[in-house]
Amino acid sequence: MFTTRLVKTAMVASVALFALLVTFNNLIDYNSNYQFVRHVLSMDATFPGNALMGRAITQPSVWTLAYWLIILTEAAIGIVLAVATVMLAINLRSSAVRFNVAKKYAIVGAGLGFLLWFTGFIVVGGEWFAMWQSKDWDGQEAAFRFYMTLLAVVIFLNQPDGELDASRDVR
């Protein structure tokens, strides 16, 4: 159905906008989230005397590198999802095969987002650097919202689209 294709395209556009806005915000207000990365990696806000402190990274150059990797990944996610939006929009009235093939860009973008917000923030930040122990620097709840939204969009998007019925659903 054409309406379903429109909704799928709009949802991909929305997550592209989100990733690009996160990137923009991290560039404009660089220091706020740099402090987040610094505190997580240095583990200075975890429980006193925890046995995991040997994992702490206290070199500012590593904090900066990690933060730039996050920003660049967010930008890549936003760009790939924006390209996906264009590809889906171009193929809105195409055959089912062409529209379904165009979904691959959105799947790649959502996969990158999952890697960043689940693997990066939940696995690495949350578990390796014990981010969950910090009251002020625990980004797991926000990361959960981000990757679950991406998963919901990609699950809906990945539902097969059939041929359009020109006589019934043309708008």
C-alpha atoms as a PDB file:
ATOM      1  CA  MET A   1       0.000   0.000   0.000  1.00  0.00           C
ATOM      2  CA  PHE A   2       1.269   3.458  -0.874  1.00  0.00           C
ATOM      3  CA  THR A   3       0.306   4.864   2.534  1.00  0.00           C
ATOM      4  CA  THR A   4       2.469   2.267   4.271  1.00  0.00           C
ATOM      5  CA  ARG A   5       5.391   3.176   2.040  1.00  0.00           C
ATOM      6  CA  LEU A   6       4.919   6.847   2.922  1.00  0.00           C
ATOM      7  CA  VAL A   7       4.845   6.088   6.641  1.00  0.00           C
ATOM      8  CA  LYS A   8       7.979   3.936   6.378  1.00  0.00           C
ATOM      9  CA  THR A   9       9.771   6.711   4.520  1.00  0.00           C
ATOM     10  CA  ALA A  10       8.666   9.314   7.078  1.00  0.00           C
ATOM     11  CA  MET A  11       9.835   7.129   9.958  1.00  0.00           C
ATOM     12  CA  VAL A  12      13.271   6.702   8.376  1.00  0.00           C
ATOM     13  CA  ALA A  13      13.402  10.469   7.785  1.00  0.00           C
ATOM     14  CA  SER A  14      12.561  11.051  11.445  1.00  0.00           C
ATOM     15  CA  VAL A  15      15.383   8.872  12.757  1.00  0.00           C
ATOM     16  CA  ALA A  16      17.752  10.478  10.233  1.00  0.00           C
ATOM     17  CA  LEU A  17      16.764  13.889  11.574  1.00  0.00           C
ATOM     18  CA  PHE A  18      17.289  12.657  15.120  1.00  0.00           C
ATOM     19  CA  ALA A  19      20.824  11.373  14.428  1.00  0.00           C
ATOM     20  CA  LEU A  20      21.760  14.536  12.546  1.00  0.00           C
ATOM     21  CA  LEU A  21      20.393  16.722  15.342  1.00  0.00           C
ATOM     22  CA  VAL A  22      22.346  14.746  17.948  1.00  0.00           C
ATOM     23  CA  THR A  23      25.470  15.254  15.827  1.00  0.00           C
ATOM     24  CA  PHE A  24      24.772  18.967  15.463  1.00  0.00           C
ATOM     25  CA  ASN A  25      24.143  19.371  19.194  1.00  0.00           C
ATOM     26  CA  ASN A  26      27.379  17.572  20.057  1.00  0.00           C
ATOM     27  CA  LEU A  27      29.290  19.925  17.786  1.00  0.00           C
ATOM     28  CA  ILE A  28      27.581  23.118  18.983  1.00  0.00           C
ATOM     29  CA  ASP A  29      27.622  22.180  22.682  1.00  0.00           C
ATOM     30  CA  TYR A  30      30.808  20.114  22.499  1.00  0.00           C
ATOM     31  CA  ASN A  31      31.838  20.408  26.129  1.00  0.00           C
ATOM     32  CA  SER A  32      28.623  19.062  27.697  1.00  0.00           C
ATOM     33  CA  ASN A  33      28.892  15.603  26.215  1.00  0.00           C
ATOM     34  CA  TYR A  34      32.684  15.674  26.256  1.00  0.00           C
ATOM     35  CA  GLN A  35      32.338  15.828  30.053  1.00  0.00           C
ATOM     36  CA  PHE A  36      30.022  12.825  29.880  1.00  0.00           C
ATOM     37  CA  VAL A  37      32.615  10.818  27.922  1.00  0.00           C
ATOM     38  CA  ARG A  38      35.386  11.973  30.257  1.00  0.00           C
ATOM     39  CA  HIS A  39      33.539  10.888  33.392  1.00  0.00           C
ATOM     40  CA  VAL A  40      32.444   7.545  31.952  1.00  0.00           C
ATOM     41  CA  LEU A  41      35.889   6.610  30.662  1.00  0.00           C
ATOM     42  CA  SER A  42      37.723   7.801  33.763  1.00  0.00           C
ATOM     43  CA  MET A  43      35.164   6.010  35.969  1.00  0.00           C
ATOM     44  CA  ASP A  44      35.476   8.839  38.487  1.00  0.00           C
ATOM     45  CA  ALA A  45      31.788   8.713  39.405  1.00  0.00           C
ATOM     46  CA  THR A  46      31.499   4.963  39.986  1.00  0.00           C
ATOM     47  CA  PHE A  47      31.200   3.337  43.412  1.00  0.00           C
ATOM     48  CA  PRO A  48      34.248   4.087  45.569  1.00  0.00           C
ATOM     49  CA  GLY A  49      36.753   1.249  45.630  1.00  0.00           C
ATOM     50  CA  ASN A  50      35.043  -0.855  42.970  1.00  0.00           C
ATOM     51  CA  ALA A  51      37.152  -3.706  41.622  1.00  0.00           C
ATOM     52  CA  LEU A  52      36.785  -2.566  37.997  1.00  0.00           C
ATOM     53  CA  MET A  53      38.821   0.641  38.315  1.00  0.00           C
ATOM     54  CA  GLY A  54      41.722  -0.904  36.406  1.00  0.00           C
ATOM     55  CA  ARG A  55      39.635  -0.300  33.273  1.00  0.00           C
ATOM     56  CA  ALA A  56      39.550   3.462  33.786  1.00  0.00           C
ATOM     57  CA  ILE A  57      41.048   5.623  31.041  1.00  0.00           C
ATOM     58  CA  THR A  58      42.440   8.903  32.322  1.00  0.00           C
ATOM     59  CA  GLN A  59      44.201  10.282  29.226  1.00  0.00           C
ATOM     60  CA  PRO A  60      42.432  13.347  27.793  1.00  0.00           C
ATOM     61  CA  SER A  61      43.611  12.415  24.290  1.00  0.00           C
ATOM     62  CA  VAL A  62      41.689   9.133  24.539  1.00  0.00           C
ATOM     63  CA  TRP A  63      38.586  10.939  25.821  1.00  0.00           C
ATOM     64  CA  THR A  64      38.781  13.281  22.839  1.00  0.00           C
ATOM     65  CA  LEU A  65      39.301  10.437  20.386  1.00  0.00           C
ATOM     66  CA  ALA A  66      36.394   8.478  21.870  1.00  0.00           C
ATOM     67  CA  TYR A  67      34.109  11.508  21.715  1.00  0.00           C
ATOM     68  CA  TRP A  68      35.023  12.241  18.104  1.00  0.00           C
ATOM     69  CA  LEU A  69      34.364   8.591  17.203  1.00  0.00           C
ATOM     70  CA  ILE A  70      30.920   8.941  18.756  1.00  0.00           C
ATOM     71  CA  ILE A  71      30.211  12.195  16.896  1.00  0.00           C
ATOM     72  CA  LEU A  72      31.431  10.791  13.575  1.00  0.00           C
ATOM     73  CA  THR A  73      29.369   7.639  14.048  1.00  0.00           C
ATOM     74  CA  GLU A  74      26.277   9.720  14.825  1.00  0.00           C
ATOM     75  CA  ALA A  75      26.937  11.753  11.673  1.00  0.00           C
ATOM     76  CA  ALA A  76      27.361   8.578   9.602  1.00  0.00           C
ATOM     77  CA  ILE A  77      24.096   7.214  10.990  1.00  0.00           C
ATOM     78  CA  GLY A  78      22.272  10.443  10.120  1.00  0.00           C
ATOM     79  CA  ILE A  79      23.755  10.635   6.628  1.00  0.00           C
ATOM     80  CA  VAL A  80      23.072   6.987   5.813  1.00  0.00           C
ATOM     81  CA  LEU A  81      19.494   7.333   7.059  1.00  0.00           C
ATOM     82  CA  ALA A  82      19.049  10.566   5.076  1.00  0.00           C
ATOM     83  CA  VAL A  83      20.272   8.773   1.943  1.00  0.00           C
ATOM     84  CA  ALA A  84      17.883   5.944   2.829  1.00  0.00           C
ATOM     85  CA  THR A  85      15.022   8.434   3.036  1.00  0.00           C
ATOM     86  CA  VAL A  86      15.848   9.772  -0.435  1.00  0.00           C
ATOM     87  CA  MET A  87      16.129   6.251  -1.861  1.00  0.00           C
ATOM     88  CA  LEU A  88      12.801   5.242  -0.361  1.00  0.00           C
ATOM     89  CA  ALA A  89      11.144   8.455  -1.570  1.00  0.00           C
ATOM     90  CA  ILE A  90      12.496   7.959  -5.098  1.00  0.00           C
ATOM     91  CA  ASN A  91      11.046   4.454  -5.096  1.00  0.00           C
ATOM     92  CA  LEU A  92       7.674   5.181  -3.478  1.00  0.00           C
ATOM     93  CA  ARG A  93       5.794   4.346  -6.686  1.00  0.00           C
ATOM     94  CA  SER A  94       8.273   1.763  -7.964  1.00  0.00           C
ATOM     95  CA  SER A  95       7.780  -1.969  -8.051  1.00  0.00           C
ATOM     96  CA  ALA A  96       7.740  -3.879  -4.791  1.00  0.00           C
ATOM     97  CA  VAL A  97      11.161  -5.302  -5.609  1.00  0.00           C
ATOM     98  CA  ARG A  98      12.716  -1.867  -6.105  1.00  0.00           C
ATOM     99  CA  PHE A  99      11.118  -0.398  -2.990  1.00  0.00           C
ATOM    100  CA  ASN A 100      12.184  -3.385  -0.909  1.00  0.00           C
ATOM    101  CA  VAL A 101      15.750  -3.139  -2.252  1.00  0.00           C
ATOM    102  CA  ALA A 102      15.844   0.567  -1.348  1.00  0.00           C
ATOM    103  CA  LYS A 103      15.295  -0.398   2.293  1.00  0.00           C
ATOM    104  CA  LYS A 104      18.850  -1.695   2.574  1.00  0.00           C
ATOM    105  CA  TYR A 105      20.217   1.786   3.276  1.00  0.00           C
ATOM    106  CA  ALA A 106      17.841   2.246   6.208  1.00  0.00           C
ATOM    107  CA  ILE A 107      18.750  -1.176   7.549  1.00  0.00           C
ATOM    108  CA  VAL A 108      22.442  -0.242   7.413  1.00  0.00           C
ATOM    109  CA  GLY A 109      21.768   3.099   9.151  1.00  0.00           C
ATOM    110  CA  ALA A 110      19.669   1.481  11.865  1.00  0.00           C
ATOM    111  CA  GLY A 111      22.342  -1.182  12.305  1.00  0.00           C
ATOM    112  CA  LEU A 112      24.994   1.494  12.798  1.00  0.00           C
ATOM    113  CA  GLY A 113      22.750   3.198  15.344  1.00  0.00           C
ATOM    114  CA  PHE A 114      22.257  -0.064  17.197  1.00  0.00           C
ATOM    115  CA  LEU A 115      26.017  -0.608  17.274  1.00  0.00           C
ATOM    116  CA  LEU A 116      26.601   2.873  18.674  1.00  0.00           C
ATOM    117  CA  TRP A 117      23.815   3.095  21.239  1.00  0.00           C
ATOM    118  CA  PHE A 118      23.623  -0.548  22.324  1.00  0.00           C
ATOM    119  CA  THR A 119      27.164  -1.818  21.892  1.00  0.00           C
ATOM    120  CA  GLY A 120      28.849   1.518  22.591  1.00  0.00           C
ATOM    121  CA  PHE A 121      26.716   2.882  25.396  1.00  0.00           C
ATOM    122  CA  ILE A 122      25.113  -0.183  26.990  1.00  0.00           C
ATOM    123  CA  VAL A 123      27.861  -2.785  26.568  1.00  0.00           C
ATOM    124  CA  VAL A 124      31.050  -0.707  26.601  1.00  0.00           C
ATOM    125  CA  GLY A 125      29.942   2.328  28.622  1.00  0.00           C
ATOM    126  CA  GLY A 126      27.403   0.617  30.856  1.00  0.00           C
ATOM    127  CA  GLU A 127      29.154  -2.631  31.616  1.00  0.00           C
ATOM    128  CA  TRP A 128      32.846  -2.248  30.808  1.00  0.00           C
ATOM    129  CA  PHE A 129      33.172   1.218  32.333  1.00  0.00           C
ATOM    130  CA  ALA A 130      30.412   0.606  34.930  1.00  0.00           C
ATOM    131  CA  MET A 131      28.462   3.676  33.828  1.00  0.00           C
ATOM    132  CA  TRP A 132      25.417   2.267  35.632  1.00  0.00           C
ATOM    133  CA  GLN A 133      27.138   3.033  38.956  1.00  0.00           C
ATOM    134  CA  SER A 134      27.027   6.781  38.340  1.00  0.00           C
ATOM    135  CA  LYS A 135      24.018   8.894  39.310  1.00  0.00           C
ATOM    136  CA  ASP A 136      25.066  11.794  37.094  1.00  0.00           C
ATOM    137  CA  TRP A 137      26.799  10.129  34.137  1.00  0.00           C
ATOM    138  CA  ASP A 138      24.597   7.126  33.322  1.00  0.00           C
ATOM    139  CA  GLY A 139      23.437   7.377  29.720  1.00  0.00           C
ATOM    140  CA  GLN A 140      21.952   3.905  29.483  1.00  0.00           C
ATOM    141  CA  GLU A 141      18.311   4.973  29.702  1.00  0.00           C
ATOM    142  CA  ALA A 142      18.690   7.459  26.846  1.00  0.00           C
ATOM    143  CA  ALA A 143      20.692   4.958  24.781  1.00  0.00           C
ATOM    144  CA  PHE A 144      17.958   2.360  25.361  1.00  0.00           C
ATOM    145  CA  ARG A 145      15.326   4.752  23.983  1.00  0.00           C
ATOM    146  CA  PHE A 146      17.485   5.460  20.936  1.00  0.00           C
ATOM    147  CA  TYR A 147      18.260   1.892  19.928  1.00  0.00           C
ATOM    148  CA  MET A 148      14.759   0.630  20.694  1.00  0.00           C
ATOM    149  CA  THR A 149      13.305   3.342  18.473  1.00  0.00           C
ATOM    150  CA  LEU A 150      15.681   2.306  15.693  1.00  0.00           C
ATOM    151  CA  LEU A 151      14.753  -1.344  16.168  1.00  0.00           C
ATOM    152  CA  ALA A 152      11.038  -0.546  16.027  1.00  0.00           C
ATOM    153  CA  VAL A 153      11.488   1.460  12.826  1.00  0.00           C
ATOM    154  CA  VAL A 154      13.619  -1.195  11.148  1.00  0.00           C
ATOM    155  CA  ILE A 155      11.209  -3.995  12.128  1.00  0.00           C
ATOM    156  CA  PHE A 156       8.291  -2.095  10.610  1.00  0.00           C
ATOM    157  CA  LEU A 157      10.341  -1.042   7.600  1.00  0.00           C
ATOM    158  CA  ASN A 158      11.501  -4.595   6.980  1.00  0.00           C
ATOM    159  CA  GLN A 159       7.964  -5.889   6.550  1.00  0.00           C
ATOM    160  CA  PRO A 160       7.647  -6.783   2.859  1.00  0.00           C
ATOM    161  CA  ASP A 161       5.882  -4.312   0.610  1.00  0.00           C
ATOM    162  CA  GLY A 162       3.755  -5.673  -2.198  1.00  0.00           C
ATOM    163  CA  GLU A 163       2.935  -4.180  -5.541  1.00  0.00           C
ATOM    164  CA  LEU A 164       0.883  -0.998  -5.542  1.00  0.00           C
ATOM    165  CA  ASP A 165      -2.702  -1.317  -6.705  1.00  0.00           C
ATOM    166  CA  ALA A 166      -3.030   1.676  -9.020  1.00  0.00           C
ATOM    167  CA  SER A 167      -6.812   1.460  -8.987  1.00  0.00           C
ATOM    168  CA  ARG A 168      -7.148   1.642  -5.182  1.00  0.00           C
ATOM    169  CA  ASP A 169      -4.334   3.462  -3.392  1.00  0.00           C
ATOM    170  CA  VAL A 170      -2.660   6.076  -5.547  1.00  0.00           C
ATOM    171  CA  ARG A 171      -2.204   8.839  -2.986  1.00  0.00           C
END
